[in-house]
Amino acid sequence: MLLRRCARSLIDDLPSLAAQRVARRGWKKANRRVDVILTADVPGLGERDEIARVRPGRARNHLVPERLATYVSEEKVARARERLLAKAAAREATEGEGEAEAQSAREEAAREKENETVMRMLTAEPAIAVKRILDKKTGKPLRPVTRENIVDEIRRQKQLQIAPASLVLERPIDQFGQYDIPLWIRGHARGSHVLNVIVRKRQ
């Protein structure tokens, strides 16, 4: 009697079990995915040489026929990985160059700012005074004033260090008086600013 009831129960449950099996099979089929290697950048999936997991139908009907992807294999994965590593290295190198250019631009801006400060200090009052002993026979300085002499006085009087070539002085100054000497500082047109120099008699 008990065996008949169990058998009857199993027979009654057969349609339900079959339906569950079909449902599971349908779920697995609907959620099945395959791996492909992208051969081009595909929005929503990834970049070229990356591995994407897609539905078989999308791979079969769209990606592979359109040459947007290829099915994976050990050899293809290895080649794609090498290309990805090379791409990453190139990207890092480019970013490094960009940072170097940015650093160079910052340094150039700092130099320009420093040159502006130097120019303001050079052209500000008071004038650079250079003293010379009077040659009583000629009425001129006993020794002429050279660019190097003026640079030394700039360092002493204004605490600035500039190159002698920054002073556009064709020949030494051999007369007492006041002179406007053109300056040539990087970032400024030659002669656009002048340095006021006074050659005085030493008492």
Foldseek 3Di string as FASTA:
>chain_A
DVVVVVVVVVVVCVVVVVVVVVVVVVVCLVPDWAKWAFCAADPPAGGHLDIGIDHPCCVVPPCVVVVGIGHDDPVSNVVSVVVVVVVVVVVVVVVVVVVVVVVVVVVVVVLVVVLVVVQCLQQDDDAQEAEAAADVVVRKGPDFAALVNSQVSCCVPVVDHDDSVQWPDPDTHTHFAKDWTWGDTPPDPTRPHTGIYGYYYDD
